[in-house]
Amino acid sequence: MALHDDRPVLTGLLALVGVGLAVGLVLGGGALAVTRVLGVDGSSATTAATDAGSLYLPRPSETGGPSGPLLTLGADPGQSASQEPTQEPTKKKKKAEKQISLSAGQTQVAPMGQIDLTGVYPGGEGSVLQVQKFVSGGWQDFPVTAVVSNETFATYVQTSAQGVNRFRVVDNDSETASNEVKVTVG
């Protein structure tokens, strides 16, 4: 009696395993041949990556001094090259850059109504601004702050004090104060 007559399931499984091995060997050999033809293997990939990362630096050499006339840029046309420039324009420019501009979204609100305060603080990125209210002849801290982001800030306040209320914001780190805004509550 033959083996395939007595156990047909075992014969089918052995045939499947044999076919699987044959197909696997053929596909593996084909993949190996393709990678060799295309030059894709571990050693050439490493070499290509190393070659791509190389850098050529020339040797340093001595350079001569300036050969032409020396120019000073940015001097006032009426000022001679030997005069020192004054520092006054620079101070004014810096002060203008760090000025806080404040505006109120409302000019009149009911008691405890929301008063939107917005503004611009060039060069004040990340600063925490303290809101202040004018009370009894002086500025007092109000329990509200605003953080400067993208050179702008926004917050709101509420008060029950009727009449004209004056607000401003102050950067306590640089001691820079904004203009004041007036809002009538009533």
Protein backbone atom coordinates (compact mmCIF):
# COMPACT_ATOMS: atom_id res chain seq x y z
CA MET A 1 0.00 0.00 0.00
CA ALA A 2 1.18 3.47 -0.80
CA LEU A 3 1.60 6.24 1.74
CA HIS A 4 -0.78 8.59 0.02
CA ASP A 5 -3.65 6.07 0.09
CA ASP A 6 -3.67 5.57 3.86
CA ARG A 7 -3.26 9.18 5.08
CA PRO A 8 -4.49 11.76 2.58
CA VAL A 9 -4.37 14.72 5.02
CA LEU A 10 -0.72 14.07 5.94
CA THR A 11 0.18 13.74 2.29
CA GLY A 12 -1.53 17.08 1.49
CA LEU A 13 0.33 18.84 4.32
CA LEU A 14 3.69 17.51 3.19
CA ALA A 15 2.95 18.65 -0.37
CA LEU A 16 2.05 22.14 0.89
CA VAL A 17 5.26 22.39 2.91
CA GLY A 18 7.32 21.25 -0.06
CA VAL A 19 5.68 23.77 -2.41
CA GLY A 20 6.10 26.55 0.22
CA LEU A 21 9.82 25.80 0.54
CA ALA A 22 10.29 25.77 -3.20
CA VAL A 23 8.43 29.07 -3.70
CA GLY A 24 10.33 30.67 -0.78
CA LEU A 25 13.68 29.64 -2.20
CA VAL A 26 12.80 30.93 -5.66
CA LEU A 27 11.53 34.28 -4.34
CA GLY A 28 14.49 34.69 -1.95
CA GLY A 29 16.97 33.93 -4.71
CA GLY A 30 15.22 36.38 -7.05
CA ALA A 31 15.30 39.13 -4.39
CA LEU A 32 18.99 38.49 -3.76
CA ALA A 33 19.75 38.68 -7.48
CA VAL A 34 17.80 41.96 -7.86
CA THR A 35 19.61 43.60 -4.90
CA ARG A 36 22.98 42.62 -6.33
CA VAL A 37 22.10 43.93 -9.79
CA LEU A 38 20.84 47.22 -8.36
CA GLY A 39 23.80 47.51 -5.98
CA VAL A 40 21.65 47.56 -2.85
CA ASP A 41 23.56 45.90 -0.07
CA GLY A 42 24.79 46.92 3.39
CA SER A 43 28.34 47.87 2.42
CA SER A 44 27.54 50.16 -0.51
CA ALA A 45 24.75 51.96 1.41
CA THR A 46 27.16 52.72 4.24
CA THR A 47 29.74 53.99 1.77
CA ALA A 48 27.18 56.21 0.03
CA ALA A 49 26.07 57.69 3.34
CA THR A 50 29.66 58.37 4.36
CA ASP A 51 30.46 59.99 1.00
CA ALA A 52 27.38 62.23 1.20
CA GLY A 53 28.45 63.52 4.63
CA SER A 54 32.03 64.46 3.76
CA LEU A 55 33.09 68.08 3.83
CA TYR A 56 36.05 69.86 2.31
CA LEU A 57 37.65 72.66 4.31
CA PRO A 58 40.43 74.68 2.69
CA ARG A 59 43.56 75.45 4.66
CA PRO A 60 43.58 78.87 6.38
CA SER A 61 45.86 81.45 4.82
CA GLU A 62 47.02 84.94 5.74
CA THR A 63 45.03 87.82 4.31
CA GLY A 64 46.35 91.28 3.66
CA GLY A 65 45.10 94.50 5.24
CA PRO A 66 42.49 96.71 3.60
CA SER A 67 43.60 97.96 0.22
CA GLY A 68 40.97 100.65 -0.48
CA PRO A 69 39.60 103.67 1.36
CA LEU A 70 37.83 103.04 4.66
CA LEU A 71 34.18 104.12 4.69
CA THR A 72 31.98 104.96 7.66
CA LEU A 73 28.30 104.51 6.95
CA GLY A 74 25.42 106.12 8.78
CA ALA A 75 26.95 109.54 9.51
CA ASP A 76 24.83 112.68 9.15
CA PRO A 77 25.51 114.46 5.83
CA GLY A 78 26.34 117.72 7.66
CA GLN A 79 28.74 116.02 10.07
CA SER A 80 32.38 115.45 9.22
CA ALA A 81 33.90 111.98 9.54
CA SER A 82 36.14 113.06 12.43
CA GLN A 83 33.23 114.17 14.67
CA GLU A 84 31.64 111.72 17.08
CA PRO A 85 27.94 111.11 16.46
CA THR A 86 25.62 112.28 19.22
CA GLN A 87 23.75 109.71 21.31
CA GLU A 88 20.49 111.68 21.50
CA PRO A 89 18.75 110.16 18.42
CA THR A 90 19.51 106.63 19.67
CA LYS A 91 17.96 107.36 23.06
CA LYS A 92 14.82 108.77 21.47
CA LYS A 93 14.52 105.77 19.18
CA LYS A 94 14.89 103.26 22.05
CA LYS A 95 12.35 105.14 24.12
CA ALA A 96 9.89 105.13 21.22
CA GLU A 97 10.37 101.40 20.70
CA LYS A 98 9.59 100.58 24.34
CA GLN A 99 6.46 102.79 24.61
CA ILE A 100 3.25 101.07 25.73
CA SER A 101 0.10 102.11 23.87
CA LEU A 102 -3.20 101.37 25.67
CA SER A 103 -6.79 101.66 24.45
CA ALA A 104 -10.18 100.85 25.99
CA GLY A 105 -12.87 99.01 24.06
CA GLN A 106 -15.66 101.01 25.76
CA THR A 107 -15.99 104.65 26.77
CA GLN A 108 -19.05 104.08 28.97
CA VAL A 109 -20.29 101.01 30.88
CA ALA A 110 -22.75 100.11 33.63
CA PRO A 111 -21.41 99.44 37.13
CA MET A 112 -19.42 96.15 37.05
CA GLY A 113 -19.60 96.19 33.25
CA GLN A 114 -16.66 94.72 31.34
CA ILE A 115 -14.04 97.22 30.17
CA ASP A 116 -11.79 95.70 27.50
CA LEU A 117 -8.19 96.96 27.64
CA THR A 118 -5.93 96.23 24.66
CA GLY A 119 -2.62 97.59 23.53
CA VAL A 120 0.73 97.33 21.86
CA TYR A 121 4.13 97.05 23.57
CA PRO A 122 6.94 96.91 20.95
CA GLY A 123 9.97 95.08 22.32
CA GLY A 124 8.03 93.94 25.40
CA GLU A 125 7.57 90.29 24.42
CA GLY A 126 6.72 88.18 27.50
CA SER A 127 6.36 91.16 29.85
CA VAL A 128 3.68 91.05 32.54
CA LEU A 129 1.84 94.36 32.67
CA GLN A 130 0.12 95.49 35.86
CA VAL A 131 -3.20 97.32 35.42
CA GLN A 132 -3.44 100.43 37.59
CA LYS A 133 -6.39 102.70 38.47
CA PHE A 134 -6.11 106.37 39.43
CA VAL A 135 -7.56 106.72 42.95
CA SER A 136 -7.31 109.69 45.37
CA GLY A 137 -4.61 111.51 43.45
CA GLY A 138 -2.33 108.51 42.73
CA TRP A 139 -2.01 105.28 40.74
CA GLN A 140 -2.90 102.07 42.61
CA ASP A 141 -2.47 98.48 41.41
CA PHE A 142 -5.71 96.91 40.19
CA PRO A 143 -5.95 93.12 40.72
CA VAL A 144 -5.52 92.42 36.99
CA THR A 145 -2.44 91.77 34.81
CA ALA A 146 -1.86 91.21 31.10
CA VAL A 147 0.93 89.27 29.34
CA VAL A 148 2.51 90.63 26.15
CA SER A 149 2.49 88.16 23.25
CA ASN A 150 3.47 89.12 19.67
CA GLU A 151 3.98 92.66 21.01
CA THR A 152 0.26 92.96 21.90
CA PHE A 153 -1.79 92.41 25.05
CA ALA A 154 -5.45 92.23 26.05
CA THR A 155 -7.33 91.97 29.34
CA TYR A 156 -10.46 93.39 30.94
CA VAL A 157 -11.43 95.09 34.20
CA GLN A 158 -14.67 95.63 36.08
CA THR A 159 -15.41 98.34 38.64
CA SER A 160 -18.44 99.63 40.51
CA ALA A 161 -16.93 103.09 41.12
CA GLN A 162 -19.29 105.43 39.29
CA GLY A 163 -18.04 108.41 37.36
CA VAL A 164 -14.92 108.80 35.21
CA ASN A 165 -12.36 106.04 35.91
CA ARG A 166 -8.76 106.31 34.68
CA PHE A 167 -6.69 103.19 33.88
CA ARG A 168 -3.16 102.50 32.67
CA VAL A 169 -0.76 99.55 32.51
CA VAL A 170 2.80 99.46 33.86
CA ASP A 171 5.76 97.18 33.12
CA ASN A 172 7.26 97.02 36.62
CA ASP A 173 10.51 95.49 35.30
CA SER A 174 11.36 98.44 33.07
CA GLU A 175 9.20 100.99 34.93
CA THR A 176 7.49 101.86 31.64
CA ALA A 177 3.90 103.13 31.90
CA SER A 178 1.29 103.40 29.18
CA ASN A 179 -0.96 106.30 28.34
CA GLU A 180 -4.12 106.50 30.44
CA VAL A 181 -7.61 105.68 29.22
CA LYS A 182 -10.83 107.12 30.67
CA VAL A 183 -14.07 105.15 30.98
CA THR A 184 -17.31 106.50 32.47
CA VAL A 185 -19.11 104.06 34.78
CA GLY A 186 -22.73 104.80 35.57
